[in-house]
């Protein structure tokens, strides 16, 4: 897979608490140049996006179920740590088993590291043997900037009523070492378990770690 250059992230902003519509491979859409700041407890921005298998994914259609958003970059060592170890796939499977929806988002801009064409994304998704619900290409960066995604992996959890209840890293071991997976607290699974038990999420936010999202422009 070809390497791509790094770009700096945009500055944080508040614009994206409103609904946002995202189209797969819609290069004519110009993304907002700032990143949203989404505190937990706020409404999750709504969106519509076409998945790599052709389905239209509407966040509103999943009302009543928890939704996990995972930002990814197939060339990022932190992403590879969790996929190559099988940890991400196990987390996806456990999430699905609890009734959650899992949406993977790639916001790598065209010409940037991590960007995939539709054909490359389909090939990568098949190779990862993931248990995700859908994979969304967000080359314009509209969805990523609406949620304020800064890293890969950057994880978000939306509760059944549409509230953002988790924003941060997949776990508490910010490294690229596969050996760290076993002793880590998986924040995503912990939060989903607490939601299912009717409890508040005890760790609603953490520092996301990994590679910076390589936005367009």
N, C-alpha and C. Protein backbone atom coordinates (compact mmCIF):
# COMPACT_ATOMS: atom_id res chain seq x y z
N UNK A 1 0.85 -1.18 0.00
CA UNK A 1 0.00 0.00 0.00
C UNK A 1 0.89 1.24 0.00
N UNK A 2 0.64 2.19 -0.88
CA UNK A 2 1.53 3.32 -1.03
C UNK A 2 1.48 4.24 0.19
N UNK A 3 2.64 4.86 0.50
CA UNK A 3 2.72 5.78 1.62
C UNK A 3 2.26 7.16 1.20
N UNK A 4 1.74 7.91 2.13
CA UNK A 4 1.26 9.24 1.83
C UNK A 4 1.78 10.22 2.87
N UNK A 5 1.89 11.46 2.52
CA UNK A 5 2.49 12.47 3.40
C UNK A 5 1.57 12.84 4.54
N UNK A 6 2.17 13.40 5.61
CA UNK A 6 1.41 13.84 6.79
C UNK A 6 0.93 15.27 6.61
N UNK A 7 -0.23 15.59 7.19
CA UNK A 7 -0.70 16.97 7.23
C UNK A 7 -1.11 17.31 8.64
N UNK A 8 -1.13 18.56 8.97
CA UNK A 8 -1.51 19.00 10.32
C UNK A 8 -3.00 18.97 10.48
N UNK A 9 -3.45 18.76 11.72
CA UNK A 9 -4.87 18.78 12.04
C UNK A 9 -5.36 20.21 12.12
N UNK A 10 -6.63 20.42 11.92
CA UNK A 10 -7.23 21.74 12.05
C UNK A 10 -7.42 22.11 13.51
N UNK A 11 -7.79 23.37 13.78
CA UNK A 11 -8.06 23.83 15.14
C UNK A 11 -9.45 23.45 15.56
N UNK A 12 -9.67 23.35 16.88
CA UNK A 12 -10.96 22.91 17.38
C UNK A 12 -12.00 24.00 17.27
N UNK A 13 -13.29 23.60 17.11
CA UNK A 13 -14.41 24.53 17.03
C UNK A 13 -15.67 23.88 17.53
N UNK A 14 -16.78 24.60 17.48
CA UNK A 14 -18.03 24.10 18.05
C UNK A 14 -19.13 23.92 17.02
N UNK A 15 -18.83 24.07 15.75
CA UNK A 15 -19.88 24.22 14.75
C UNK A 15 -20.72 22.99 14.52
N UNK A 16 -20.24 21.77 14.87
CA UNK A 16 -20.89 20.59 14.35
C UNK A 16 -21.88 19.93 15.28
N UNK A 17 -22.44 20.62 16.26
CA UNK A 17 -23.51 20.04 17.06
C UNK A 17 -24.78 19.91 16.25
N UNK A 18 -24.85 20.63 15.16
CA UNK A 18 -25.99 20.50 14.24
C UNK A 18 -25.81 19.26 13.39
N UNK A 19 -26.89 18.87 12.71
CA UNK A 19 -26.84 17.68 11.85
C UNK A 19 -25.92 17.90 10.68
N UNK A 20 -25.25 16.80 10.25
CA UNK A 20 -24.35 16.88 9.11
C UNK A 20 -24.62 15.71 8.20
N UNK A 21 -24.64 15.96 6.91
CA UNK A 21 -24.86 14.90 5.93
C UNK A 21 -23.57 14.64 5.19
N UNK A 22 -23.16 13.37 5.11
CA UNK A 22 -21.89 13.03 4.50
C UNK A 22 -22.15 12.07 3.36
N UNK A 23 -21.53 12.29 2.21
CA UNK A 23 -21.69 11.39 1.07
C UNK A 23 -20.39 10.67 0.78
N UNK A 24 -20.45 9.37 0.51
CA UNK A 24 -19.27 8.58 0.16
C UNK A 24 -18.68 9.09 -1.15
N UNK A 25 -17.38 9.36 -1.14
CA UNK A 25 -16.65 9.81 -2.32
C UNK A 25 -17.24 11.08 -2.91
N UNK A 26 -17.88 11.90 -2.09
CA UNK A 26 -18.47 13.15 -2.59
C UNK A 26 -17.41 14.25 -2.51
N UNK A 27 -16.50 14.24 -3.48
CA UNK A 27 -15.36 15.14 -3.43
C UNK A 27 -15.77 16.60 -3.62
N UNK A 28 -17.00 16.84 -4.09
CA UNK A 28 -17.43 18.21 -4.29
C UNK A 28 -17.83 18.89 -2.98
N UNK A 29 -17.95 18.09 -1.91
CA UNK A 29 -18.29 18.67 -0.61
C UNK A 29 -17.02 19.19 0.05
N UNK A 30 -17.03 20.44 0.44
CA UNK A 30 -15.89 21.02 1.12
C UNK A 30 -16.11 20.94 2.63
N UNK A 31 -15.21 20.27 3.33
CA UNK A 31 -15.35 20.09 4.77
C UNK A 31 -15.05 21.39 5.51
N UNK A 32 -15.70 21.57 6.65
CA UNK A 32 -15.41 22.69 7.52
C UNK A 32 -13.95 22.56 7.98
N UNK A 33 -13.16 23.64 7.94
CA UNK A 33 -11.74 23.52 8.28
C UNK A 33 -11.45 23.36 9.77
N UNK A 34 -12.44 23.43 10.63
CA UNK A 34 -12.19 23.30 12.05
C UNK A 34 -12.77 22.00 12.58
N UNK A 35 -12.19 21.54 13.68
CA UNK A 35 -12.68 20.33 14.32
C UNK A 35 -13.65 20.69 15.43
N UNK A 36 -14.73 19.94 15.53
CA UNK A 36 -15.70 20.16 16.59
C UNK A 36 -15.12 19.74 17.94
N UNK A 37 -15.64 20.32 18.99
CA UNK A 37 -15.38 19.86 20.35
C UNK A 37 -16.70 19.29 20.85
N UNK A 38 -16.76 17.99 21.01
CA UNK A 38 -18.00 17.34 21.42
C UNK A 38 -17.87 16.78 22.83
N UNK A 39 -18.35 17.48 23.82
CA UNK A 39 -18.30 16.94 25.18
C UNK A 39 -19.30 15.81 25.34
N UNK A 40 -18.94 14.83 26.13
CA UNK A 40 -19.90 13.76 26.40
C UNK A 40 -21.12 14.36 27.10
N UNK A 41 -22.27 13.77 26.81
CA UNK A 41 -23.52 14.29 27.32
C UNK A 41 -24.23 15.18 26.31
N UNK A 42 -23.54 15.50 25.21
CA UNK A 42 -24.15 16.33 24.17
C UNK A 42 -24.79 15.44 23.10
N UNK A 43 -25.74 15.96 22.32
CA UNK A 43 -26.33 15.17 21.25
C UNK A 43 -25.28 14.84 20.19
N UNK A 44 -25.28 13.61 19.71
CA UNK A 44 -24.35 13.22 18.66
C UNK A 44 -24.80 13.80 17.33
N UNK A 45 -23.90 14.39 16.55
CA UNK A 45 -24.29 14.91 15.24
C UNK A 45 -24.86 13.81 14.36
N UNK A 46 -25.99 14.08 13.74
CA UNK A 46 -26.58 13.10 12.84
C UNK A 46 -25.86 13.14 11.50
N UNK A 47 -25.93 12.06 10.75
CA UNK A 47 -25.29 12.02 9.44
C UNK A 47 -25.90 10.91 8.59
N UNK A 48 -25.69 11.05 7.30
CA UNK A 48 -26.00 10.01 6.33
C UNK A 48 -24.76 9.81 5.48
N UNK A 49 -24.35 8.58 5.28
CA UNK A 49 -23.14 8.30 4.52
C UNK A 49 -23.28 6.94 3.83
N UNK A 50 -22.72 6.83 2.65
CA UNK A 50 -22.78 5.56 1.94
C UNK A 50 -21.59 4.70 2.33
N UNK A 51 -21.85 3.47 2.72
CA UNK A 51 -20.80 2.54 3.10
C UNK A 51 -20.14 1.95 1.86
N UNK A 52 -19.00 1.30 2.04
CA UNK A 52 -18.26 0.77 0.90
C UNK A 52 -18.99 -0.39 0.22
N UNK A 53 -19.98 -0.96 0.89
CA UNK A 53 -20.77 -2.02 0.25
C UNK A 53 -22.00 -1.46 -0.46
N UNK A 54 -22.12 -0.14 -0.51
CA UNK A 54 -23.21 0.50 -1.23
C UNK A 54 -24.42 0.88 -0.40
N UNK A 55 -24.48 0.42 0.85
CA UNK A 55 -25.62 0.77 1.70
C UNK A 55 -25.55 2.21 2.16
N UNK A 56 -26.72 2.85 2.29
CA UNK A 56 -26.77 4.17 2.89
C UNK A 56 -26.91 4.02 4.39
N UNK A 57 -25.99 4.60 5.13
CA UNK A 57 -25.98 4.50 6.58
C UNK A 57 -26.50 5.81 7.15
N UNK A 58 -27.60 5.74 7.87
CA UNK A 58 -28.20 6.90 8.52
C UNK A 58 -28.13 6.68 10.03
N UNK A 59 -27.48 7.59 10.73
CA UNK A 59 -27.37 7.43 12.18
C UNK A 59 -28.75 7.32 12.82
N UNK A 60 -29.71 8.07 12.31
CA UNK A 60 -31.05 8.08 12.89
C UNK A 60 -31.71 6.71 12.83
N UNK A 61 -31.31 5.88 11.86
CA UNK A 61 -31.91 4.55 11.73
C UNK A 61 -31.54 3.63 12.89
N UNK A 62 -30.50 3.97 13.63
CA UNK A 62 -30.03 3.13 14.73
C UNK A 62 -30.51 3.62 16.09
N UNK A 63 -31.43 4.55 16.07
CA UNK A 63 -31.99 5.03 17.34
C UNK A 63 -32.54 3.84 18.12
N UNK A 64 -32.23 3.77 19.38
CA UNK A 64 -32.65 2.63 20.19
C UNK A 64 -31.55 1.61 20.39
N UNK A 65 -30.41 1.80 19.71
CA UNK A 65 -29.26 0.91 19.88
C UNK A 65 -28.00 1.75 20.09
N UNK A 66 -27.07 1.27 20.89
CA UNK A 66 -25.80 1.98 21.01
C UNK A 66 -25.05 1.93 19.67
N UNK A 67 -24.30 2.97 19.38
CA UNK A 67 -23.50 3.03 18.15
C UNK A 67 -22.06 3.36 18.53
N UNK A 68 -21.13 2.56 18.02
CA UNK A 68 -19.70 2.82 18.19
C UNK A 68 -19.15 3.36 16.88
N UNK A 69 -18.44 4.47 16.96
CA UNK A 69 -17.72 5.02 15.81
C UNK A 69 -16.23 4.82 16.03
N UNK A 70 -15.57 4.28 15.02
CA UNK A 70 -14.14 3.99 15.09
C UNK A 70 -13.44 4.69 13.92
N UNK A 71 -12.54 5.62 14.22
CA UNK A 71 -11.76 6.24 13.14
C UNK A 71 -10.52 5.41 12.89
N UNK A 72 -10.22 5.17 11.60
CA UNK A 72 -9.16 4.23 11.27
C UNK A 72 -8.23 4.79 10.20
N UNK A 73 -7.04 4.24 10.15
CA UNK A 73 -6.03 4.50 9.13
C UNK A 73 -5.23 3.21 9.01
N UNK A 74 -5.35 2.49 7.90
CA UNK A 74 -4.72 1.17 7.81
C UNK A 74 -3.21 1.19 7.88
N UNK A 75 -2.59 2.37 7.72
CA UNK A 75 -1.13 2.48 7.77
C UNK A 75 -0.61 2.92 9.14
N UNK A 76 -1.51 3.16 10.07
CA UNK A 76 -1.11 3.66 11.39
C UNK A 76 -0.68 2.51 12.30
N UNK A 77 0.49 2.58 12.93
CA UNK A 77 0.95 1.50 13.82
C UNK A 77 -0.01 1.21 14.97
N UNK A 78 -0.67 2.24 15.50
CA UNK A 78 -1.61 2.01 16.61
C UNK A 78 -2.84 1.25 16.14
N UNK A 79 -3.28 1.54 14.93
CA UNK A 79 -4.40 0.79 14.34
C UNK A 79 -3.97 -0.65 14.08
N UNK A 80 -2.78 -0.81 13.53
CA UNK A 80 -2.29 -2.15 13.23
C UNK A 80 -2.14 -2.97 14.51
N UNK A 81 -1.73 -2.31 15.60
CA UNK A 81 -1.61 -3.00 16.89
C UNK A 81 -2.90 -3.72 17.24
N UNK A 82 -4.01 -3.02 17.09
CA UNK A 82 -5.29 -3.59 17.52
C UNK A 82 -5.89 -4.55 16.50
N UNK A 83 -5.61 -4.35 15.22
CA UNK A 83 -6.11 -5.28 14.21
C UNK A 83 -5.24 -6.52 14.08
N UNK A 84 -3.92 -6.33 14.07
CA UNK A 84 -3.03 -7.48 13.91
C UNK A 84 -3.08 -8.41 15.11
N UNK A 85 -3.37 -7.86 16.29
CA UNK A 85 -3.51 -8.69 17.50
C UNK A 85 -4.88 -9.35 17.58
N UNK A 86 -5.82 -8.86 16.77
CA UNK A 86 -7.19 -9.37 16.83
C UNK A 86 -8.04 -8.66 17.85
N UNK A 87 -7.45 -7.68 18.55
CA UNK A 87 -8.20 -7.00 19.61
C UNK A 87 -9.38 -6.19 19.07
N UNK A 88 -9.16 -5.50 17.94
CA UNK A 88 -10.25 -4.70 17.40
C UNK A 88 -11.40 -5.58 16.94
N UNK A 89 -11.07 -6.69 16.29
CA UNK A 89 -12.12 -7.60 15.83
C UNK A 89 -12.88 -8.22 17.01
N UNK A 90 -12.17 -8.56 18.08
CA UNK A 90 -12.83 -9.11 19.26
C UNK A 90 -13.74 -8.07 19.91
N UNK A 91 -13.26 -6.83 19.93
CA UNK A 91 -14.07 -5.75 20.49
C UNK A 91 -15.32 -5.52 19.64
N UNK A 92 -15.16 -5.55 18.33
CA UNK A 92 -16.30 -5.41 17.43
C UNK A 92 -17.31 -6.54 17.62
N UNK A 93 -16.80 -7.77 17.75
CA UNK A 93 -17.69 -8.91 17.93
C UNK A 93 -18.45 -8.82 19.24
N UNK A 94 -17.75 -8.42 20.30
CA UNK A 94 -18.41 -8.28 21.60
C UNK A 94 -19.45 -7.16 21.56
N UNK A 95 -19.13 -6.08 20.87
CA UNK A 95 -20.09 -4.98 20.73
C UNK A 95 -21.33 -5.45 20.00
N UNK A 96 -21.12 -6.18 18.90
CA UNK A 96 -22.26 -6.70 18.15
C UNK A 96 -23.10 -7.64 19.00
N UNK A 97 -22.42 -8.46 19.82
CA UNK A 97 -23.12 -9.39 20.69
C UNK A 97 -23.97 -8.70 21.74
N UNK A 98 -23.59 -7.47 22.08
CA UNK A 98 -24.37 -6.71 23.07
C UNK A 98 -25.47 -5.89 22.42
N UNK A 99 -25.56 -5.98 21.08
CA UNK A 99 -26.62 -5.25 20.37
C UNK A 99 -26.20 -3.92 19.79
N UNK A 100 -24.91 -3.60 19.87
CA UNK A 100 -24.44 -2.31 19.38
C UNK A 100 -24.16 -2.34 17.88
N UNK A 101 -24.21 -1.17 17.27
CA UNK A 101 -23.84 -0.96 15.88
C UNK A 101 -22.40 -0.46 15.87
N UNK A 102 -21.59 -0.92 14.90
CA UNK A 102 -20.20 -0.49 14.82
C UNK A 102 -19.93 0.09 13.44
N UNK A 103 -19.56 1.36 13.40
CA UNK A 103 -19.27 2.04 12.13
C UNK A 103 -17.81 2.47 12.12
N UNK A 104 -17.07 1.97 11.15
CA UNK A 104 -15.67 2.36 10.96
C UNK A 104 -15.60 3.48 9.94
N UNK A 105 -14.84 4.53 10.25
CA UNK A 105 -14.75 5.70 9.39
C UNK A 105 -13.29 5.97 9.04
N UNK A 106 -13.02 6.17 7.75
CA UNK A 106 -11.69 6.56 7.29
C UNK A 106 -11.80 7.96 6.71
N UNK A 107 -11.21 8.95 7.42
CA UNK A 107 -11.27 10.35 6.98
C UNK A 107 -9.97 10.81 6.32
N UNK A 108 -9.14 9.88 5.89
CA UNK A 108 -7.90 10.25 5.21
C UNK A 108 -8.20 10.93 3.89
N UNK A 109 -7.67 12.14 3.72
CA UNK A 109 -7.92 12.89 2.50
C UNK A 109 -7.15 12.33 1.31
N UNK A 110 -7.65 12.59 0.12
CA UNK A 110 -7.00 12.10 -1.09
C UNK A 110 -5.55 12.59 -1.15
N UNK A 111 -4.63 11.68 -1.39
CA UNK A 111 -3.22 12.03 -1.43
C UNK A 111 -2.53 11.99 -0.08
N UNK A 112 -3.28 11.72 0.98
CA UNK A 112 -2.73 11.69 2.33
C UNK A 112 -2.57 10.25 2.80
N UNK A 113 -1.72 10.07 3.83
CA UNK A 113 -1.52 8.74 4.37
C UNK A 113 -2.83 8.19 4.92
N UNK A 114 -3.10 6.96 4.58
CA UNK A 114 -4.31 6.31 5.07
C UNK A 114 -5.49 6.39 4.14
N UNK A 115 -5.41 7.29 3.15
CA UNK A 115 -6.52 7.40 2.19
C UNK A 115 -6.64 6.11 1.38
N UNK A 116 -7.86 5.68 1.18
CA UNK A 116 -8.11 4.49 0.38
C UNK A 116 -9.13 4.80 -0.70
N UNK A 117 -8.92 4.22 -1.87
CA UNK A 117 -9.97 4.24 -2.89
C UNK A 117 -11.05 3.25 -2.46
N UNK A 118 -12.16 3.28 -3.15
CA UNK A 118 -13.23 2.35 -2.82
C UNK A 118 -12.76 0.90 -2.94
N UNK A 119 -12.03 0.60 -4.01
CA UNK A 119 -11.54 -0.77 -4.21
C UNK A 119 -10.55 -1.15 -3.11
N UNK A 120 -9.66 -0.22 -2.75
CA UNK A 120 -8.68 -0.51 -1.69
C UNK A 120 -9.37 -0.70 -0.34
N UNK A 121 -10.40 0.08 -0.07
CA UNK A 121 -11.12 -0.05 1.19
C UNK A 121 -11.81 -1.41 1.28
N UNK A 122 -12.39 -1.83 0.19
CA UNK A 122 -13.05 -3.15 0.19
C UNK A 122 -12.03 -4.26 0.42
N UNK A 123 -10.86 -4.13 -0.20
CA UNK A 123 -9.81 -5.14 -0.02
C UNK A 123 -9.30 -5.14 1.42
N UNK A 124 -9.08 -3.94 1.97
CA UNK A 124 -8.58 -3.84 3.35
C UNK A 124 -9.59 -4.37 4.35
N UNK A 125 -10.86 -4.07 4.14
CA UNK A 125 -11.91 -4.53 5.04
C UNK A 125 -12.00 -6.06 5.04
N UNK A 126 -11.86 -6.65 3.87
CA UNK A 126 -11.90 -8.11 3.78
C UNK A 126 -10.69 -8.73 4.47
N UNK A 127 -9.52 -8.12 4.30
CA UNK A 127 -8.30 -8.65 4.90
C UNK A 127 -8.33 -8.57 6.42
N UNK A 128 -8.97 -7.53 6.96
CA UNK A 128 -9.03 -7.36 8.41
C UNK A 128 -9.97 -8.33 9.08
N UNK A 129 -10.88 -8.93 8.32
CA UNK A 129 -11.86 -9.87 8.87
C UNK A 129 -12.59 -9.26 10.06
N UNK A 130 -12.99 -8.03 9.89
CA UNK A 130 -13.61 -7.30 10.99
C UNK A 130 -15.04 -7.74 11.21
N UNK A 131 -15.60 -7.30 12.33
CA UNK A 131 -16.99 -7.58 12.66
C UNK A 131 -17.80 -6.28 12.72
N UNK A 132 -17.34 -5.30 11.97
CA UNK A 132 -18.03 -4.01 11.95
C UNK A 132 -19.36 -4.10 11.22
N UNK A 133 -20.25 -3.15 11.48
CA UNK A 133 -21.52 -3.07 10.78
C UNK A 133 -21.33 -2.48 9.40
N UNK A 134 -20.49 -1.45 9.30
CA UNK A 134 -20.25 -0.79 8.01
C UNK A 134 -18.94 -0.03 8.05
N UNK A 135 -18.36 0.18 6.87
CA UNK A 135 -17.12 0.94 6.70
C UNK A 135 -17.46 2.14 5.80
N UNK A 136 -17.13 3.33 6.28
CA UNK A 136 -17.46 4.57 5.58
C UNK A 136 -16.18 5.30 5.17
N UNK A 137 -16.08 5.68 3.89
CA UNK A 137 -15.00 6.53 3.44
C UNK A 137 -15.46 7.98 3.53
N UNK A 138 -14.65 8.79 4.18
CA UNK A 138 -14.98 10.19 4.45
C UNK A 138 -13.82 11.06 3.96
N UNK A 139 -13.48 10.93 2.66
CA UNK A 139 -12.30 11.60 2.12
C UNK A 139 -12.39 13.12 2.24
N UNK A 140 -13.60 13.68 2.21
CA UNK A 140 -13.76 15.13 2.37
C UNK A 140 -13.55 15.57 3.81
N UNK A 141 -13.60 14.63 4.76
CA UNK A 141 -13.36 14.94 6.16
C UNK A 141 -14.56 15.52 6.89
N UNK A 142 -15.71 15.56 6.24
CA UNK A 142 -16.89 16.20 6.84
C UNK A 142 -17.32 15.51 8.12
N UNK A 143 -17.40 14.20 8.08
CA UNK A 143 -17.84 13.46 9.26
C UNK A 143 -16.80 13.51 10.37
N UNK A 144 -15.54 13.36 10.00
CA UNK A 144 -14.47 13.40 11.00
C UNK A 144 -14.40 14.72 11.72
N UNK A 145 -14.55 15.81 10.98
CA UNK A 145 -14.47 17.13 11.60
C UNK A 145 -15.72 17.45 12.39
N UNK A 146 -16.85 16.88 11.99
CA UNK A 146 -18.08 17.08 12.76
C UNK A 146 -17.98 16.46 14.15
N UNK A 147 -17.26 15.34 14.23
CA UNK A 147 -17.09 14.68 15.53
C UNK A 147 -15.80 15.10 16.23
N UNK A 148 -14.93 15.80 15.52
CA UNK A 148 -13.67 16.21 16.14
C UNK A 148 -12.65 15.10 16.24
N UNK A 149 -12.71 14.14 15.33
CA UNK A 149 -11.78 13.01 15.38
C UNK A 149 -10.35 13.49 15.12
N UNK A 150 -9.45 13.18 16.02
CA UNK A 150 -8.07 13.65 15.93
C UNK A 150 -7.06 12.53 15.73
N UNK A 151 -7.43 11.30 16.03
CA UNK A 151 -6.45 10.22 16.01
C UNK A 151 -7.04 8.95 15.41
N UNK A 152 -6.14 8.04 15.07
CA UNK A 152 -6.57 6.71 14.66
C UNK A 152 -5.83 5.69 15.52
N UNK A 153 -6.59 4.89 16.29
CA UNK A 153 -8.05 4.92 16.39
C UNK A 153 -8.56 5.97 17.38
N UNK A 154 -9.64 6.64 17.01
CA UNK A 154 -10.39 7.52 17.91
C UNK A 154 -11.78 6.93 18.00
N UNK A 155 -12.25 6.69 19.22
CA UNK A 155 -13.50 5.96 19.44
C UNK A 155 -14.57 6.87 20.05
N UNK A 156 -15.78 6.69 19.60
CA UNK A 156 -16.94 7.39 20.16
C UNK A 156 -18.04 6.36 20.40
N UNK A 157 -18.81 6.57 21.45
CA UNK A 157 -19.99 5.74 21.69
C UNK A 157 -21.20 6.65 21.85
N UNK A 158 -22.23 6.32 21.11
CA UNK A 158 -23.50 7.06 21.15
C UNK A 158 -24.53 6.15 21.80
N UNK A 159 -25.21 6.64 22.80
CA UNK A 159 -26.20 5.82 23.51
C UNK A 159 -27.45 5.64 22.66
N UNK A 160 -28.34 4.78 23.13
CA UNK A 160 -29.56 4.47 22.38
C UNK A 160 -30.44 5.68 22.15
N UNK A 161 -30.32 6.70 23.00
CA UNK A 161 -31.15 7.90 22.83
C UNK A 161 -30.44 9.01 22.05
N UNK A 162 -29.27 8.69 21.45
CA UNK A 162 -28.58 9.65 20.61
C UNK A 162 -27.61 10.56 21.33
N UNK A 163 -27.25 10.23 22.57
CA UNK A 163 -26.33 11.06 23.34
C UNK A 163 -24.91 10.51 23.25
N UNK A 164 -23.93 11.39 23.08
CA UNK A 164 -22.54 10.97 23.08
C UNK A 164 -22.13 10.64 24.51
N UNK A 165 -21.76 9.40 24.76
CA UNK A 165 -21.43 8.99 26.13
C UNK A 165 -19.97 8.60 26.30
N UNK A 166 -19.23 8.45 25.20
CA UNK A 166 -17.80 8.18 25.31
C UNK A 166 -17.07 8.82 24.13
N UNK A 167 -15.88 9.37 24.42
CA UNK A 167 -15.05 10.04 23.42
C UNK A 167 -13.61 9.83 23.84
N UNK A 168 -12.83 9.06 23.07
CA UNK A 168 -11.44 8.88 23.45
C UNK A 168 -10.78 7.67 22.82
N UNK A 169 -9.78 7.14 23.51
CA UNK A 169 -9.02 6.00 23.02
C UNK A 169 -9.74 4.68 23.25
N UNK A 170 -9.28 3.65 22.58
CA UNK A 170 -9.90 2.34 22.75
C UNK A 170 -9.56 1.75 24.11
N UNK A 171 -8.40 2.12 24.65
CA UNK A 171 -8.01 1.58 25.96
C UNK A 171 -7.07 2.55 26.67
N UNK A 172 -6.51 2.10 27.78
CA UNK A 172 -5.67 2.97 28.60
C UNK A 172 -4.18 2.66 28.45
N UNK A 173 -3.78 2.03 27.35
CA UNK A 173 -2.37 1.72 27.10
C UNK A 173 -1.95 2.38 25.79
N UNK A 174 -1.57 3.67 25.84
CA UNK A 174 -1.24 4.39 24.61
C UNK A 174 0.13 3.99 24.05
N UNK A 175 0.15 2.87 23.35
CA UNK A 175 1.40 2.38 22.78
C UNK A 175 1.09 1.66 21.46
N UNK A 176 2.15 1.25 20.80
CA UNK A 176 2.00 0.43 19.59
C UNK A 176 2.41 -1.03 19.87
N UNK A 177 2.62 -1.34 21.13
CA UNK A 177 3.09 -2.67 21.54
C UNK A 177 1.91 -3.62 21.69
N UNK A 178 1.90 -4.66 20.89
CA UNK A 178 0.82 -5.65 20.94
C UNK A 178 0.72 -6.29 22.32
N UNK A 179 1.83 -6.42 23.01
CA UNK A 179 1.82 -7.05 24.33
C UNK A 179 1.03 -6.25 25.36
N UNK A 180 0.78 -4.96 25.08
CA UNK A 180 0.03 -4.13 26.01
C UNK A 180 -1.48 -4.38 25.96
N UNK A 181 -1.93 -5.07 24.94
CA UNK A 181 -3.38 -5.29 24.78
C UNK A 181 -3.94 -6.08 25.95
N UNK A 182 -3.22 -7.13 26.35
CA UNK A 182 -3.74 -8.04 27.37
C UNK A 182 -4.02 -7.36 28.70
N UNK A 183 -3.18 -6.43 29.11
CA UNK A 183 -3.34 -5.80 30.41
C UNK A 183 -4.08 -4.48 30.39
N UNK A 184 -4.64 -4.12 29.23
CA UNK A 184 -5.30 -2.82 29.10
C UNK A 184 -6.76 -2.87 29.53
N UNK A 185 -7.26 -1.72 29.99
CA UNK A 185 -8.70 -1.58 30.21
C UNK A 185 -9.33 -1.16 28.89
N UNK A 186 -10.18 -1.98 28.34
CA UNK A 186 -10.86 -1.65 27.09
C UNK A 186 -12.01 -0.70 27.41
N UNK A 187 -11.80 0.60 27.15
CA UNK A 187 -12.80 1.60 27.50
C UNK A 187 -14.11 1.39 26.73
N UNK A 188 -14.02 0.91 25.52
CA UNK A 188 -15.22 0.72 24.70
C UNK A 188 -16.10 -0.38 25.27
N UNK A 189 -15.50 -1.53 25.56
CA UNK A 189 -16.29 -2.63 26.10
C UNK A 189 -16.81 -2.31 27.50
N UNK A 190 -16.00 -1.62 28.29
CA UNK A 190 -16.45 -1.24 29.63
C UNK A 190 -17.67 -0.32 29.54
N UNK A 191 -17.61 0.65 28.65
CA UNK A 191 -18.73 1.59 28.50
C UNK A 191 -19.99 0.89 27.99
N UNK A 192 -19.82 0.00 27.03
CA UNK A 192 -20.98 -0.72 26.50
C UNK A 192 -21.61 -1.61 27.57
N UNK A 193 -20.77 -2.23 28.39
CA UNK A 193 -21.28 -3.06 29.47
C UNK A 193 -22.06 -2.25 30.48
N UNK A 194 -21.57 -1.06 30.80
CA UNK A 194 -22.27 -0.19 31.74
C UNK A 194 -23.59 0.30 31.16
N UNK A 195 -23.59 0.64 29.87
CA UNK A 195 -24.84 1.05 29.24
C UNK A 195 -25.88 -0.06 29.28
N UNK A 196 -25.45 -1.27 28.99
CA UNK A 196 -26.37 -2.40 28.98
C UNK A 196 -26.93 -2.67 30.37
N UNK A 197 -26.13 -2.39 31.41
CA UNK A 197 -26.58 -2.60 32.79
C UNK A 197 -27.38 -1.43 33.33
N UNK A 198 -27.58 -0.41 32.48
CA UNK A 198 -28.35 0.76 32.92
C UNK A 198 -27.56 1.70 33.82
N UNK A 199 -26.23 1.59 33.76
CA UNK A 199 -25.38 2.43 34.61
C UNK A 199 -24.77 3.56 33.78
N UNK A 200 -24.38 4.66 34.44
CA UNK A 200 -23.66 5.71 33.71
C UNK A 200 -22.27 5.22 33.33
N UNK A 201 -21.74 5.75 32.25
CA UNK A 201 -20.39 5.37 31.83
C UNK A 201 -19.38 5.96 32.80
N UNK A 202 -18.60 5.12 33.44
CA UNK A 202 -17.71 5.56 34.51
C UNK A 202 -16.49 6.32 33.99
N UNK A 203 -16.05 6.00 32.77
CA UNK A 203 -14.95 6.74 32.13
C UNK A 203 -15.50 7.28 30.82
N UNK A 204 -16.10 8.47 30.83
CA UNK A 204 -16.75 8.99 29.64
C UNK A 204 -15.79 9.57 28.60
N UNK A 205 -14.55 9.83 28.99
CA UNK A 205 -13.59 10.37 28.03
C UNK A 205 -12.18 9.97 28.43
N UNK A 206 -11.31 9.91 27.42
CA UNK A 206 -9.90 9.62 27.66
C UNK A 206 -9.12 10.22 26.49
N UNK A 207 -7.82 10.19 26.60
CA UNK A 207 -7.00 10.74 25.52
C UNK A 207 -6.89 9.73 24.38
N UNK A 208 -7.38 10.08 23.19
CA UNK A 208 -7.18 9.17 22.05
C UNK A 208 -5.71 9.15 21.66
N UNK A 209 -5.20 8.02 21.28
CA UNK A 209 -3.79 7.93 20.88
C UNK A 209 -3.66 7.26 19.54
N UNK A 210 -2.55 7.50 18.89
CA UNK A 210 -2.31 6.91 17.58
C UNK A 210 -1.81 7.97 16.62
N UNK A 211 -2.11 7.79 15.35
CA UNK A 211 -1.69 8.73 14.32
C UNK A 211 -2.74 9.83 14.16
N UNK A 212 -2.30 11.04 13.86
CA UNK A 212 -3.24 12.11 13.60
C UNK A 212 -4.04 11.83 12.35
N UNK A 213 -5.33 12.19 12.35
CA UNK A 213 -6.16 12.01 11.17
C UNK A 213 -5.63 12.92 10.06
N UNK A 214 -5.37 12.37 8.89
CA UNK A 214 -4.78 13.11 7.77
C UNK A 214 -5.89 13.70 6.91
N UNK A 215 -6.42 14.84 7.34
CA UNK A 215 -7.53 15.46 6.64
C UNK A 215 -7.11 16.07 5.30
N UNK A 216 -8.05 16.18 4.43
CA UNK A 216 -7.86 16.83 3.13
C UNK A 216 -7.52 18.31 3.33
N UNK A 217 -6.54 18.79 2.57
CA UNK A 217 -6.23 20.21 2.55
C UNK A 217 -5.40 20.68 3.72
